[in-house]
Amino acid sequence: MLSRIALRVVVQEALRGATLAGANVLDSQFTALDLDADGALRTDQDRPFVSVYTDDGRGGAGNGFMSLFGDGTVQLVIEAGISAAMLERDSETGATVIVGLGLPDTDANMELTLDLMMRQVADRLTDPGNAWADLARELLGEVTSIERSRIGQKQNGTRVAAQELRITGGLLADPVKGADLAGSTYAKFLAALAASSDSRLQKLKIAFETALAGTAVDWELVQRELGLTDGQSIALGGRPLATADGDDPASFESVTIEVDPS
């Protein structure tokens, strides 16, 4: 759904250039860290990376079709990975060192690199001065759990190590089609996309606007948001009756009543 996409985008943009991975921040790139047919850990990356996913989600129980737009939880997954192939040679000493740190190529220093990267992730996601991170905090509401895990393996003589951070929280529900976005988190998100010089984000803005565009009267918005059947909407007084089979529903007329408080 749209909020899952938006969450991944804002987290990626918040983390880009903010960790030892530099600009190598990936969107749901499953081959960045994967298991081969023999169960061996592998990566297709040639330098340290951070990868962002949205994993299992759960809609609000008992909310029917309205849960299609969100009102539930999601797992934000952030992986940081490095392998012994991601090394550089110190021009002064000729020694092989870890990219970005200049530390000797050892298991302990690889783990240290991952710890530093994950600390940088935490610093950026809580940074009050970063607009992308602020959007991430708005999209992912009450955080209910944070899980950390690590993976380390030696494959064909090459060491691969990674850490994974799973943040479970309440995901902001998607706006329904035709909803007024003024002043909303989504309005700020679209404005951030528009302000970006990245053509990919510019195209994403157009895709979001196309998905959300539409005109709807108030009763249609309410029926979409609550996932009601036509019968339920009519029974609750939220939808006008059609004058005959196949006719469009009658339009509402509004009046203003002034009451003398005396």
Protein backbone atom coordinates (compact mmCIF):
# COMPACT_ATOMS: atom_id res chain seq x y z
CA MET A 1 0.00 0.00 0.00
CA LEU A 2 1.02 3.63 -0.38
CA SER A 3 2.10 4.18 3.22
CA ARG A 4 4.49 1.21 3.04
CA ILE A 5 6.10 2.73 -0.07
CA ALA A 6 6.24 6.16 1.53
CA LEU A 7 7.85 4.76 4.69
CA ARG A 8 10.58 3.00 2.72
CA VAL A 9 11.28 6.12 0.66
CA VAL A 10 11.57 8.54 3.58
CA VAL A 11 13.79 6.14 5.57
CA GLN A 12 16.07 5.62 2.56
CA GLU A 13 16.37 9.35 1.96
CA ALA A 14 17.01 10.00 5.64
CA LEU A 15 19.83 7.42 5.71
CA ARG A 16 21.42 8.31 2.36
CA GLY A 17 24.87 9.73 3.06
CA ALA A 18 24.37 9.50 6.82
CA THR A 19 26.20 6.21 7.48
CA LEU A 20 29.43 4.49 6.49
CA ALA A 21 27.45 3.06 3.56
CA GLY A 22 27.35 6.55 2.03
CA ALA A 23 24.90 6.71 -0.85
CA ASN A 24 24.63 2.91 -1.08
CA VAL A 25 21.14 2.76 0.48
CA LEU A 26 18.97 0.14 -1.22
CA ASP A 27 15.23 -0.32 -1.58
CA SER A 28 14.06 -3.89 -0.94
CA GLN A 29 17.03 -5.35 -2.80
CA PHE A 30 16.83 -8.94 -1.67
CA THR A 31 20.05 -9.99 -3.39
CA ALA A 32 22.02 -7.52 -1.26
CA LEU A 33 21.99 -10.15 1.48
CA ASP A 34 20.72 -13.60 0.63
CA LEU A 35 21.23 -17.32 1.15
CA ASP A 36 22.27 -19.52 -1.77
CA ALA A 37 20.95 -23.02 -2.45
CA ASP A 38 23.42 -24.47 0.06
CA GLY A 39 22.35 -22.08 2.80
CA ALA A 40 25.49 -19.95 2.54
CA LEU A 41 25.19 -16.22 3.14
CA ARG A 42 26.04 -14.11 0.10
CA THR A 43 25.90 -10.54 -1.13
CA ASP A 44 26.02 -8.99 -4.59
CA GLN A 45 27.30 -5.67 -3.26
CA ASP A 46 30.88 -4.45 -3.66
CA ARG A 47 30.86 -1.97 -0.79
CA PRO A 48 29.14 -1.55 2.61
CA PHE A 49 25.39 -1.13 2.23
CA VAL A 50 22.17 -0.35 4.05
CA SER A 51 18.97 -1.93 2.74
CA VAL A 52 15.44 -0.90 3.72
CA TYR A 53 12.34 -3.13 3.60
CA THR A 54 8.80 -3.15 4.90
CA ASP A 55 7.95 -6.64 6.07
CA ASP A 56 4.95 -8.33 7.71
CA GLY A 57 1.98 -6.11 8.45
CA ARG A 58 -1.30 -6.70 10.24
CA GLY A 59 -4.55 -4.84 9.67
CA GLY A 60 -6.86 -3.71 12.42
CA ALA A 61 -8.86 -6.70 13.68
CA GLY A 62 -12.59 -6.56 13.02
CA ASN A 63 -12.38 -3.51 10.78
CA GLY A 64 -13.40 -5.22 7.55
CA PHE A 65 -12.41 -3.65 4.26
CA MET A 66 -11.33 -0.41 5.92
CA SER A 67 -8.17 -2.31 6.95
CA LEU A 68 -7.17 -2.36 3.27
CA PHE A 69 -6.03 1.24 3.72
CA GLY A 70 -3.97 0.56 6.82
CA ASP A 71 -5.03 1.03 10.42
CA GLY A 72 -2.58 -1.68 11.44
CA THR A 73 1.06 -2.45 12.05
CA VAL A 74 4.12 -2.96 9.88
CA GLN A 75 7.71 -4.07 10.36
CA LEU A 76 10.33 -1.65 9.10
CA VAL A 77 13.47 -3.69 8.39
CA ILE A 78 16.91 -2.11 8.03
CA GLU A 79 19.91 -4.27 7.19
CA ALA A 80 23.56 -3.22 7.21
CA GLY A 81 26.08 -5.50 5.52
CA ILE A 82 29.78 -5.80 4.80
CA SER A 83 32.07 -8.49 3.45
CA ALA A 84 35.79 -9.05 3.41
CA ALA A 85 35.66 -8.35 -0.33
CA MET A 86 34.68 -4.72 0.47
CA LEU A 87 38.21 -3.59 1.24
CA GLU A 88 40.59 -0.93 0.10
CA ARG A 89 44.36 -0.63 0.18
CA ASP A 90 45.96 2.00 2.37
CA SER A 91 48.10 4.07 -0.03
CA GLU A 92 50.68 4.80 2.67
CA THR A 93 51.12 1.40 4.32
CA GLY A 94 49.88 -0.90 1.56
CA ALA A 95 47.76 -2.75 4.12
CA THR A 96 44.26 -3.96 3.34
CA VAL A 97 41.72 -2.03 5.43
CA ILE A 98 37.95 -1.74 5.78
CA VAL A 99 36.36 0.86 3.50
CA GLY A 100 35.52 4.10 5.31
CA LEU A 101 37.33 3.31 8.56
CA GLY A 102 40.88 2.44 7.63
CA LEU A 103 40.87 -0.33 10.25
CA PRO A 104 42.65 -3.64 9.63
CA ASP A 105 40.61 -6.39 8.01
CA THR A 106 39.60 -8.50 11.01
CA ASP A 107 36.33 -10.09 12.19
CA ALA A 108 36.26 -7.75 15.19
CA ASN A 109 36.64 -4.66 13.00
CA MET A 110 33.94 -5.85 10.61
CA GLU A 111 31.58 -6.20 13.58
CA LEU A 112 32.67 -2.79 14.86
CA THR A 113 31.84 -1.30 11.44
CA LEU A 114 28.33 -2.77 11.56
CA ASP A 115 27.79 -1.52 15.10
CA LEU A 116 28.81 1.97 14.02
CA MET A 117 26.52 1.86 11.00
CA MET A 118 23.54 0.81 13.10
CA ARG A 119 24.29 3.59 15.60
CA GLN A 120 24.36 6.03 12.68
CA VAL A 121 20.97 4.66 11.55
CA ALA A 122 19.52 5.30 15.03
CA ASP A 123 21.01 8.79 15.17
CA ARG A 124 19.52 9.75 11.83
CA LEU A 125 16.04 8.30 12.42
CA THR A 126 15.77 10.33 15.63
CA ASP A 127 17.34 13.49 14.17
CA PRO A 128 14.94 16.42 14.77
CA GLY A 129 16.70 18.43 12.08
CA ASN A 130 16.12 15.97 9.23
CA ALA A 131 12.82 16.40 7.36
CA TRP A 132 12.88 12.88 5.88
CA ALA A 133 13.38 11.34 9.34
CA ASP A 134 10.54 13.46 10.71
CA LEU A 135 8.25 12.07 8.01
CA ALA A 136 9.36 8.55 8.94
CA ARG A 137 8.33 9.21 12.55
CA GLU A 138 4.94 10.49 11.38
CA LEU A 139 4.33 7.51 9.09
CA LEU A 140 5.40 4.91 11.66
CA GLY A 141 3.49 5.80 14.78
CA GLU A 142 3.65 4.07 18.14
CA VAL A 143 6.62 1.70 18.11
CA THR A 144 5.73 -1.56 19.85
CA SER A 145 8.96 -3.53 19.46
CA ILE A 146 12.55 -3.24 18.27
CA GLU A 147 14.52 -6.41 17.45
CA ARG A 148 18.18 -6.69 16.53
CA SER A 149 19.98 -9.68 15.06
CA ARG A 150 23.32 -10.42 13.42
CA ILE A 151 24.52 -12.83 10.75
CA GLY A 152 28.08 -13.85 10.10
CA GLN A 153 29.43 -16.49 7.77
CA LYS A 154 32.44 -17.46 5.72
CA GLN A 155 31.65 -18.33 2.10
CA ASN A 156 34.32 -19.56 -0.31
CA GLY A 157 36.96 -17.93 1.85
CA THR A 158 35.14 -14.57 1.95
CA ARG A 159 33.69 -13.39 5.23
CA VAL A 160 30.23 -11.82 5.12
CA ALA A 161 28.63 -10.11 8.10
CA ALA A 162 25.37 -8.22 8.57
CA GLN A 163 23.10 -6.81 11.22
CA GLU A 164 19.34 -6.43 11.00
CA LEU A 165 17.07 -4.00 12.80
CA ARG A 166 13.30 -4.66 12.89
CA ILE A 167 11.05 -1.86 14.09
CA THR A 168 7.37 -2.75 14.54
CA GLY A 169 4.90 0.10 14.81
CA GLY A 170 1.56 1.48 13.77
CA LEU A 171 1.55 2.51 10.11
CA LEU A 172 -0.35 5.62 9.06
CA ALA A 173 -3.39 4.59 7.03
CA ASP A 174 -3.41 5.39 3.30
CA PRO A 175 -5.60 8.35 2.34
CA VAL A 176 -8.64 7.22 0.39
CA LYS A 177 -9.02 8.25 -3.25
CA GLY A 178 -10.20 11.84 -3.54
CA ALA A 179 -9.40 12.78 0.06
CA ASP A 180 -8.33 16.33 0.89
CA LEU A 181 -4.62 16.10 1.76
CA ALA A 182 -4.17 19.69 2.89
CA GLY A 183 -2.11 19.89 6.08
CA SER A 184 -1.62 16.12 6.24
CA THR A 185 1.52 14.01 6.50
CA TYR A 186 0.92 13.04 2.87
CA ALA A 187 0.91 16.68 1.80
CA LYS A 188 4.33 17.10 3.43
CA PHE A 189 5.54 13.88 1.82
CA LEU A 190 4.48 15.00 -1.67
CA ALA A 191 6.09 18.40 -1.08
CA ALA A 192 9.36 16.69 -0.10
CA LEU A 193 9.27 14.60 -3.27
CA ALA A 194 8.63 17.73 -5.35
CA ALA A 195 11.58 19.54 -3.73
CA SER A 196 14.00 16.69 -4.48
CA SER A 197 16.38 16.90 -7.42
CA ASP A 198 16.17 13.11 -7.85
CA SER A 199 14.16 12.34 -11.00
CA ARG A 200 13.08 9.01 -9.50
CA LEU A 201 11.37 10.83 -6.62
CA GLN A 202 9.78 13.29 -9.03
CA LYS A 203 8.22 10.37 -10.92
CA LEU A 204 7.10 8.80 -7.65
CA LYS A 205 5.28 12.03 -6.76
CA ILE A 206 3.32 11.81 -10.02
CA ALA A 207 2.49 8.14 -9.33
CA PHE A 208 1.18 8.99 -5.83
CA GLU A 209 -0.87 11.90 -7.11
CA THR A 210 -2.39 9.69 -9.81
CA ALA A 211 -3.29 7.01 -7.24
CA LEU A 212 -4.92 9.54 -4.91
CA ALA A 213 -6.54 11.84 -7.47
CA GLY A 214 -10.29 11.98 -7.72
CA THR A 215 -13.31 13.95 -6.69
CA ALA A 216 -15.73 12.59 -4.17
CA VAL A 217 -18.53 13.98 -2.07
CA ASP A 218 -18.31 13.53 1.69
CA TRP A 219 -20.48 10.42 1.89
CA GLU A 220 -18.30 8.61 -0.68
CA LEU A 221 -15.15 9.39 1.32
CA VAL A 222 -16.75 8.10 4.52
CA GLN A 223 -17.96 4.92 2.82
CA ARG A 224 -14.45 4.27 1.44
CA GLU A 225 -12.73 5.01 4.75
CA LEU A 226 -15.05 2.70 6.71
CA GLY A 227 -15.26 -0.01 4.04
CA LEU A 228 -19.06 -0.05 4.17
CA THR A 229 -21.44 -1.75 1.78
CA ASP A 230 -24.03 0.43 0.05
CA GLY A 231 -26.69 -1.01 2.34
CA GLN A 232 -24.70 -0.26 5.48
CA SER A 233 -24.00 3.29 4.32
CA ILE A 234 -27.70 3.91 3.62
CA ALA A 235 -28.77 2.37 6.93
CA LEU A 236 -26.39 4.64 8.82
CA GLY A 237 -27.73 7.68 6.99
CA GLY A 238 -24.42 8.31 5.30
CA ARG A 239 -25.51 7.78 1.71
CA PRO A 240 -28.45 9.33 -0.15
CA LEU A 241 -31.00 7.04 -1.76
CA ALA A 242 -31.24 6.85 -5.56
CA THR A 243 -34.57 7.96 -7.00
CA ALA A 244 -34.84 4.84 -9.18
CA ASP A 245 -32.80 1.84 -10.20
CA GLY A 246 -29.69 2.93 -12.06
CA ASP A 247 -30.10 6.62 -11.17
CA ASP A 248 -27.33 8.53 -9.50
CA PRO A 249 -27.84 9.22 -5.81
CA ALA A 250 -29.53 12.49 -5.09
CA SER A 251 -27.26 15.32 -4.07
CA PHE A 252 -27.33 16.78 -0.58
CA GLU A 253 -28.40 20.32 0.06
CA SER A 254 -26.93 22.07 3.04
CA VAL A 255 -28.54 24.78 5.13
CA THR A 256 -27.31 26.90 8.00
CA ILE A 257 -29.48 27.24 11.09
CA GLU A 258 -28.80 30.05 13.53
CA VAL A 259 -30.04 29.57 17.06
CA ASP A 260 -30.67 32.51 19.38
CA PRO A 261 -28.88 31.57 22.60
CA SER A 262 -31.32 33.67 24.61
